Amino acid sequence: MDRLQTLRVWHAMWLVRIDAKIAALQQRQAEAEHGRRNRPQPPEWVVELGIGTGRPPLQVHAGDCYMAGKRRRAVGRDEARRLLADGLRACTHCRPDAQLDIIDLPRRQHPGPIPHAV
């Protein structure tokens, strides 16, 4: 084989590699776009849950709030309003009470510091 034939073989091999890489990238982009289109919508409202038996609710968040913890469950608008009206804390970052047009919510009283015996 002379030099020209060798160059043609190398050229053909590189074209095959480049075409395969382009096809793989196009496939990856198509899969990513499919995932973006079919991703489920975040819930409208979530309740952050505590630790332990029964996992008591701690506070209400908007569904896209970055401050909601990992322990949470989705709730509907009516349940979120009911929980807030019953005294559950509203997140101070996403302000679900303002978004739900609830004014003058009763607040749960947090226990103050324990008095020291003198």
N, C-alpha and C. Protein backbone atom coordinates (compact mmCIF):
# COMPACT_ATOMS: atom_id res chain seq x y z
N MET A 1 0.85 -1.17 0.00
CA MET A 1 0.00 0.00 0.00
C MET A 1 0.90 1.24 0.00
N ASP A 2 0.56 2.16 -0.86
CA ASP A 2 1.36 3.37 -0.90
C ASP A 2 0.82 4.39 0.11
N ARG A 3 1.51 5.48 0.21
CA ARG A 3 1.19 6.52 1.20
C ARG A 3 -0.22 7.10 1.00
N LEU A 4 -0.64 7.31 -0.22
CA LEU A 4 -1.95 7.88 -0.51
C LEU A 4 -3.07 6.94 -0.05
N GLN A 5 -2.91 5.66 -0.28
CA GLN A 5 -3.92 4.70 0.17
C GLN A 5 -3.99 4.65 1.69
N THR A 6 -2.83 4.72 2.35
CA THR A 6 -2.79 4.73 3.81
C THR A 6 -3.54 5.94 4.36
N LEU A 7 -3.33 7.11 3.75
CA LEU A 7 -4.03 8.32 4.18
C LEU A 7 -5.53 8.19 3.98
N ARG A 8 -5.95 7.57 2.90
CA ARG A 8 -7.37 7.39 2.65
C ARG A 8 -8.01 6.46 3.69
N VAL A 9 -7.28 5.42 4.08
CA VAL A 9 -7.79 4.50 5.09
C VAL A 9 -7.93 5.23 6.44
N TRP A 10 -6.90 5.99 6.82
CA TRP A 10 -6.97 6.75 8.07
C TRP A 10 -8.10 7.77 8.02
N HIS A 11 -8.24 8.44 6.91
CA HIS A 11 -9.30 9.42 6.75
C HIS A 11 -10.67 8.76 6.91
N ALA A 12 -10.87 7.62 6.30
CA ALA A 12 -12.14 6.90 6.40
C ALA A 12 -12.40 6.46 7.85
N MET A 13 -11.36 5.98 8.55
CA MET A 13 -11.53 5.56 9.94
C MET A 13 -11.94 6.74 10.82
N TRP A 14 -11.30 7.88 10.62
CA TRP A 14 -11.63 9.05 11.43
C TRP A 14 -13.04 9.56 11.11
N LEU A 15 -13.46 9.49 9.89
CA LEU A 15 -14.82 9.91 9.55
C LEU A 15 -15.85 9.01 10.23
N VAL A 16 -15.58 7.73 10.29
CA VAL A 16 -16.48 6.80 10.97
C VAL A 16 -16.55 7.14 12.46
N ARG A 17 -15.40 7.41 13.09
CA ARG A 17 -15.37 7.77 14.51
C ARG A 17 -16.12 9.08 14.77
N ILE A 18 -15.88 10.06 13.92
CA ILE A 18 -16.54 11.36 14.08
C ILE A 18 -18.04 11.23 13.90
N ASP A 19 -18.47 10.49 12.90
CA ASP A 19 -19.90 10.29 12.68
C ASP A 19 -20.55 9.55 13.86
N ALA A 20 -19.84 8.57 14.41
CA ALA A 20 -20.37 7.83 15.57
C ALA A 20 -20.49 8.75 16.78
N LYS A 21 -19.50 9.61 16.99
CA LYS A 21 -19.53 10.55 18.11
C LYS A 21 -20.69 11.54 17.95
N ILE A 22 -20.88 12.06 16.74
CA ILE A 22 -21.98 12.99 16.48
C ILE A 22 -23.32 12.31 16.73
N ALA A 23 -23.47 11.07 16.28
CA ALA A 23 -24.71 10.34 16.49
C ALA A 23 -24.97 10.11 17.98
N ALA A 24 -23.91 9.78 18.74
CA ALA A 24 -24.07 9.56 20.18
C ALA A 24 -24.47 10.86 20.89
N LEU A 25 -23.86 11.98 20.50
CA LEU A 25 -24.21 13.27 21.10
C LEU A 25 -25.64 13.67 20.76
N GLN A 26 -26.06 13.43 19.53
CA GLN A 26 -27.43 13.76 19.14
C GLN A 26 -28.43 12.89 19.92
N GLN A 27 -28.09 11.63 20.12
CA GLN A 27 -28.95 10.73 20.90
C GLN A 27 -29.05 11.22 22.34
N ARG A 28 -27.93 11.61 22.94
CA ARG A 28 -27.92 12.09 24.32
C ARG A 28 -28.75 13.37 24.45
N GLN A 29 -28.62 14.28 23.49
CA GLN A 29 -29.40 15.51 23.52
C GLN A 29 -30.89 15.22 23.37
N ALA A 30 -31.24 14.28 22.51
CA ALA A 30 -32.65 13.92 22.31
C ALA A 30 -33.23 13.31 23.60
N GLU A 31 -32.45 12.47 24.28
CA GLU A 31 -32.91 11.87 25.53
C GLU A 31 -33.08 12.93 26.62
N ALA A 32 -32.14 13.88 26.69
CA ALA A 32 -32.24 14.95 27.69
C ALA A 32 -33.47 15.81 27.42
N GLU A 33 -33.72 16.14 26.19
CA GLU A 33 -34.89 16.94 25.84
C GLU A 33 -36.18 16.18 26.16
N HIS A 34 -36.20 14.89 25.89
CA HIS A 34 -37.36 14.05 26.21
C HIS A 34 -37.60 14.06 27.73
N GLY A 35 -36.51 13.97 28.50
CA GLY A 35 -36.63 14.01 29.96
C GLY A 35 -37.16 15.34 30.45
N ARG A 36 -36.69 16.44 29.86
CA ARG A 36 -37.18 17.76 30.26
C ARG A 36 -38.66 17.92 29.95
N ARG A 37 -39.09 17.44 28.80
CA ARG A 37 -40.50 17.58 28.40
C ARG A 37 -41.41 16.72 29.26
N ASN A 38 -40.95 15.56 29.69
CA ASN A 38 -41.80 14.61 30.41
C ASN A 38 -41.60 14.63 31.92
N ARG A 39 -40.82 15.59 32.43
CA ARG A 39 -40.58 15.68 33.88
C ARG A 39 -41.89 16.09 34.56
N PRO A 40 -42.25 15.41 35.64
CA PRO A 40 -43.49 15.78 36.33
C PRO A 40 -43.36 17.18 36.94
N GLN A 41 -44.48 17.87 36.98
CA GLN A 41 -44.52 19.20 37.57
C GLN A 41 -44.32 19.09 39.08
N PRO A 42 -43.63 20.05 39.69
CA PRO A 42 -43.49 20.01 41.16
C PRO A 42 -44.86 20.25 41.79
N PRO A 43 -45.07 19.73 42.99
CA PRO A 43 -46.36 19.97 43.64
C PRO A 43 -46.52 21.46 43.95
N GLU A 44 -47.76 21.89 44.05
CA GLU A 44 -48.01 23.31 44.31
C GLU A 44 -47.62 23.67 45.74
N TRP A 45 -47.88 22.76 46.69
CA TRP A 45 -47.59 23.01 48.10
C TRP A 45 -47.01 21.75 48.71
N VAL A 46 -46.10 21.91 49.67
CA VAL A 46 -45.54 20.76 50.40
C VAL A 46 -45.52 21.07 51.89
N VAL A 47 -45.59 20.00 52.66
CA VAL A 47 -45.47 20.10 54.11
C VAL A 47 -44.17 19.42 54.49
N GLU A 48 -43.31 20.16 55.18
CA GLU A 48 -42.07 19.58 55.69
C GLU A 48 -42.40 18.78 56.94
N LEU A 49 -41.85 17.57 57.01
CA LEU A 49 -42.17 16.66 58.10
C LEU A 49 -41.01 16.54 59.07
N GLY A 50 -41.35 16.30 60.33
CA GLY A 50 -40.34 16.14 61.37
C GLY A 50 -39.77 14.74 61.40
N ILE A 51 -38.95 14.50 62.40
CA ILE A 51 -38.30 13.21 62.58
C ILE A 51 -39.05 12.44 63.65
N GLY A 52 -39.06 11.15 63.53
CA GLY A 52 -39.60 10.34 64.61
C GLY A 52 -40.94 9.73 64.28
N THR A 53 -41.53 9.12 65.29
CA THR A 53 -42.79 8.42 65.14
C THR A 53 -43.88 9.39 64.70
N GLY A 54 -44.56 9.03 63.66
CA GLY A 54 -45.66 9.85 63.18
C GLY A 54 -45.22 11.01 62.30
N ARG A 55 -43.95 11.32 62.29
CA ARG A 55 -43.42 12.43 61.48
C ARG A 55 -44.35 13.65 61.51
N PRO A 56 -44.36 14.39 62.59
CA PRO A 56 -45.28 15.52 62.70
C PRO A 56 -44.93 16.61 61.67
N PRO A 57 -45.93 17.29 61.13
CA PRO A 57 -45.65 18.36 60.18
C PRO A 57 -44.98 19.53 60.88
N LEU A 58 -43.99 20.15 60.21
CA LEU A 58 -43.26 21.27 60.80
C LEU A 58 -43.67 22.60 60.21
N GLN A 59 -43.67 22.68 58.88
CA GLN A 59 -44.07 23.93 58.24
C GLN A 59 -44.51 23.70 56.80
N VAL A 60 -45.23 24.68 56.28
CA VAL A 60 -45.77 24.62 54.93
C VAL A 60 -44.87 25.42 54.01
N HIS A 61 -44.63 24.88 52.81
CA HIS A 61 -43.80 25.53 51.80
C HIS A 61 -44.53 25.54 50.47
N ALA A 62 -44.15 26.47 49.60
CA ALA A 62 -44.56 26.39 48.21
C ALA A 62 -43.83 25.20 47.61
N GLY A 63 -44.38 24.59 46.59
CA GLY A 63 -43.82 23.38 46.02
C GLY A 63 -42.41 23.52 45.49
N ASP A 64 -42.03 24.72 45.06
CA ASP A 64 -40.70 24.92 44.49
C ASP A 64 -39.74 25.60 45.46
N CYS A 65 -40.08 25.64 46.75
CA CYS A 65 -39.24 26.33 47.75
C CYS A 65 -37.94 25.56 47.96
N TYR A 66 -36.85 26.29 47.92
CA TYR A 66 -35.53 25.67 48.11
C TYR A 66 -35.26 25.36 49.58
N MET A 67 -36.05 25.89 50.50
CA MET A 67 -35.81 25.66 51.92
C MET A 67 -36.55 24.43 52.46
N ALA A 68 -37.42 23.83 51.66
CA ALA A 68 -38.13 22.63 52.12
C ALA A 68 -37.13 21.50 52.30
N GLY A 69 -37.22 20.82 53.41
CA GLY A 69 -36.29 19.73 53.70
C GLY A 69 -36.56 18.51 52.84
N LYS A 70 -35.80 17.46 53.11
CA LYS A 70 -35.95 16.23 52.33
C LYS A 70 -37.17 15.42 52.77
N ARG A 71 -37.56 15.56 54.03
CA ARG A 71 -38.74 14.85 54.52
C ARG A 71 -39.95 15.75 54.28
N ARG A 72 -40.71 15.44 53.27
CA ARG A 72 -41.86 16.27 52.92
C ARG A 72 -42.88 15.45 52.16
N ARG A 73 -44.08 16.01 52.11
CA ARG A 73 -45.13 15.37 51.31
C ARG A 73 -45.92 16.47 50.62
N ALA A 74 -46.40 16.15 49.45
CA ALA A 74 -47.19 17.10 48.68
C ALA A 74 -48.59 17.21 49.29
N VAL A 75 -49.12 18.42 49.29
CA VAL A 75 -50.48 18.65 49.76
C VAL A 75 -51.19 19.55 48.76
N GLY A 76 -52.49 19.50 48.78
CA GLY A 76 -53.28 20.36 47.92
C GLY A 76 -53.44 21.75 48.54
N ARG A 77 -53.99 22.65 47.77
CA ARG A 77 -54.20 24.03 48.22
C ARG A 77 -55.08 24.08 49.47
N ASP A 78 -56.16 23.32 49.48
CA ASP A 78 -57.07 23.35 50.63
C ASP A 78 -56.41 22.85 51.90
N GLU A 79 -55.64 21.76 51.78
CA GLU A 79 -54.96 21.24 52.98
C GLU A 79 -53.89 22.20 53.46
N ALA A 80 -53.17 22.83 52.54
CA ALA A 80 -52.16 23.81 52.94
C ALA A 80 -52.83 24.97 53.69
N ARG A 81 -53.94 25.45 53.20
CA ARG A 81 -54.66 26.54 53.88
C ARG A 81 -55.14 26.09 55.26
N ARG A 82 -55.66 24.86 55.34
CA ARG A 82 -56.14 24.35 56.62
C ARG A 82 -55.01 24.23 57.64
N LEU A 83 -53.87 23.68 57.19
CA LEU A 83 -52.73 23.53 58.09
C LEU A 83 -52.24 24.88 58.59
N LEU A 84 -52.17 25.86 57.71
CA LEU A 84 -51.76 27.20 58.12
C LEU A 84 -52.77 27.82 59.08
N ALA A 85 -54.04 27.64 58.80
CA ALA A 85 -55.09 28.18 59.66
C ALA A 85 -55.08 27.50 61.03
N ASP A 86 -54.65 26.24 61.08
CA ASP A 86 -54.57 25.51 62.35
C ASP A 86 -53.32 25.86 63.15
N GLY A 87 -52.47 26.71 62.61
CA GLY A 87 -51.32 27.18 63.37
C GLY A 87 -49.98 26.64 62.93
N LEU A 88 -49.92 25.83 61.88
CA LEU A 88 -48.63 25.34 61.40
C LEU A 88 -47.84 26.50 60.82
N ARG A 89 -46.56 26.52 61.07
CA ARG A 89 -45.72 27.63 60.60
C ARG A 89 -45.66 27.69 59.09
N ALA A 90 -45.60 28.90 58.57
CA ALA A 90 -45.38 29.14 57.14
C ALA A 90 -43.90 29.43 56.94
N CYS A 91 -43.32 28.93 55.89
CA CYS A 91 -41.92 29.19 55.56
C CYS A 91 -41.72 30.69 55.40
N THR A 92 -40.66 31.20 55.98
CA THR A 92 -40.41 32.64 55.88
C THR A 92 -39.74 33.02 54.58
N HIS A 93 -39.33 32.03 53.79
CA HIS A 93 -38.67 32.32 52.51
C HIS A 93 -39.67 32.38 51.36
N CYS A 94 -40.53 31.37 51.26
CA CYS A 94 -41.47 31.33 50.12
C CYS A 94 -42.82 31.94 50.47
N ARG A 95 -43.09 32.16 51.75
CA ARG A 95 -44.30 32.82 52.24
C ARG A 95 -45.59 32.23 51.68
N PRO A 96 -45.89 30.96 51.97
CA PRO A 96 -47.12 30.36 51.46
C PRO A 96 -48.37 31.04 52.01
N ASP A 97 -48.28 31.62 53.21
CA ASP A 97 -49.44 32.32 53.76
C ASP A 97 -49.82 33.52 52.89
N ALA A 98 -48.83 34.24 52.40
CA ALA A 98 -49.10 35.38 51.53
C ALA A 98 -49.61 34.90 50.16
N GLN A 99 -49.02 33.82 49.66
CA GLN A 99 -49.44 33.30 48.36
C GLN A 99 -50.87 32.74 48.41
N LEU A 100 -51.26 32.24 49.58
CA LEU A 100 -52.60 31.69 49.74
C LEU A 100 -53.59 32.74 50.26
N ASP A 101 -53.15 33.98 50.34
CA ASP A 101 -54.00 35.10 50.79
C ASP A 101 -54.59 34.85 52.17
N ILE A 102 -53.76 34.36 53.09
CA ILE A 102 -54.20 34.16 54.46
C ILE A 102 -53.54 35.24 55.30
N ILE A 103 -54.36 35.98 56.04
CA ILE A 103 -53.86 37.10 56.83
C ILE A 103 -54.10 36.79 58.31
N ASP A 104 -53.20 37.28 59.17
CA ASP A 104 -53.33 37.14 60.62
C ASP A 104 -53.49 35.70 61.06
N LEU A 105 -52.53 34.88 60.70
CA LEU A 105 -52.56 33.48 61.11
C LEU A 105 -52.24 33.35 62.58
N PRO A 106 -52.91 32.43 63.26
CA PRO A 106 -52.48 32.14 64.64
C PRO A 106 -51.13 31.43 64.58
N ARG A 107 -50.26 31.75 65.45
CA ARG A 107 -48.92 31.14 65.46
C ARG A 107 -48.82 30.17 66.62
N ARG A 108 -48.17 29.05 66.36
CA ARG A 108 -47.88 28.12 67.45
C ARG A 108 -46.86 28.79 68.35
N GLN A 109 -47.07 28.67 69.61
CA GLN A 109 -46.14 29.24 70.56
C GLN A 109 -44.96 28.28 70.74
N HIS A 110 -43.77 28.78 70.53
CA HIS A 110 -42.58 27.96 70.76
C HIS A 110 -42.21 28.08 72.23
N PRO A 111 -41.86 26.99 72.83
CA PRO A 111 -41.48 27.09 74.23
C PRO A 111 -40.24 27.95 74.37
N GLY A 112 -40.26 28.81 75.33
CA GLY A 112 -39.13 29.70 75.58
C GLY A 112 -38.02 28.93 76.28
N PRO A 113 -36.98 29.64 76.69
CA PRO A 113 -35.89 28.97 77.41
C PRO A 113 -36.38 28.43 78.73
N ILE A 114 -35.82 27.31 79.13
CA ILE A 114 -36.20 26.70 80.40
C ILE A 114 -35.60 27.53 81.54
N PRO A 115 -36.47 27.97 82.46
CA PRO A 115 -35.92 28.77 83.57
C PRO A 115 -35.02 27.91 84.45
N HIS A 116 -33.96 28.47 84.88
CA HIS A 116 -33.00 27.76 85.73
C HIS A 116 -33.43 27.86 87.18
N ALA A 117 -33.28 26.77 87.88
CA ALA A 117 -33.62 26.78 89.32
C ALA A 117 -32.54 27.56 90.05
N VAL A 118 -32.99 28.41 90.93
CA VAL A 118 -32.03 29.23 91.69
C VAL A 118 -31.73 28.62 93.01
